[in-house]
């Protein structure tokens, strides 16, 4: 799956509430920081290099 597939499959960004974040190994403070960032805008999704991001996470 590549970045185009994610967008075509209806990838939905995380909401503003830090409690909406998936269950990750983050502290409460880290989750709050993500929540303060707000939702990802459509423009940010469009301009993100998702293939590079996935590569960074998996290598």
Protein backbone atom coordinates (compact mmCIF):
# COMPACT_ATOMS: atom_id res chain seq x y z
CA UNK A 1 0.00 0.00 0.00
CA UNK A 2 1.33 3.44 -0.87
CA UNK A 3 0.32 6.98 0.04
CA UNK A 4 -2.17 7.25 -2.81
CA UNK A 5 -3.89 4.07 -1.61
CA UNK A 6 -4.21 5.54 1.89
CA UNK A 7 -5.92 8.65 0.58
CA UNK A 8 -8.18 6.71 -1.80
CA UNK A 9 -9.15 4.32 1.00
CA UNK A 10 -10.50 7.24 3.00
CA UNK A 11 -7.63 7.67 5.47
CA UNK A 12 -9.05 9.76 8.29
CA UNK A 13 -6.72 11.80 10.49
CA UNK A 14 -6.93 11.70 14.27
CA UNK A 15 -9.30 14.21 15.84
CA UNK A 16 -8.44 17.06 18.15
CA UNK A 17 -9.02 15.08 21.34
CA UNK A 18 -5.83 13.42 22.60
CA UNK A 19 -7.99 10.56 23.88
CA UNK A 20 -8.85 9.80 20.23
CA UNK A 21 -5.28 8.70 19.61
CA UNK A 22 -4.80 5.00 18.98
CA UNK A 23 -3.41 2.94 21.85
CA UNK A 24 0.31 3.61 21.46
CA UNK A 25 3.18 3.49 23.90
CA UNK A 26 2.87 7.19 24.71
CA UNK A 27 2.67 8.89 28.05
CA UNK A 28 -0.37 10.98 28.93
CA UNK A 29 1.74 14.11 28.38
CA UNK A 30 2.81 12.95 24.90
CA UNK A 31 -0.80 12.25 23.96
CA UNK A 32 -1.77 15.75 25.13
CA UNK A 33 0.96 17.27 22.93
CA UNK A 34 -0.43 15.43 19.91
CA UNK A 35 -3.91 16.66 20.82
CA UNK A 36 -2.68 20.26 20.98
CA UNK A 37 -1.41 20.00 17.41
CA UNK A 38 -4.97 19.70 16.17
CA UNK A 39 -6.20 17.68 13.23
CA UNK A 40 -4.16 17.16 10.10
CA UNK A 41 -5.41 19.39 7.32
CA UNK A 42 -6.29 18.04 3.86
CA UNK A 43 -3.44 20.12 2.45
CA UNK A 44 -0.95 18.52 4.87
CA UNK A 45 -2.20 15.07 3.87
CA UNK A 46 -1.91 15.91 0.18
CA UNK A 47 1.62 17.32 0.51
CA UNK A 48 3.03 14.69 2.88
CA UNK A 49 5.59 12.23 1.55
CA UNK A 50 3.79 9.18 2.96
CA UNK A 51 6.08 6.71 1.23
CA UNK A 52 9.11 8.29 2.93
CA UNK A 53 7.31 8.40 6.26
CA UNK A 54 6.40 4.72 6.06
CA UNK A 55 9.95 3.92 5.02
CA UNK A 56 11.30 5.82 8.05
CA UNK A 57 9.01 3.89 10.38
CA UNK A 58 9.85 0.47 8.98
CA UNK A 59 13.62 0.73 8.52
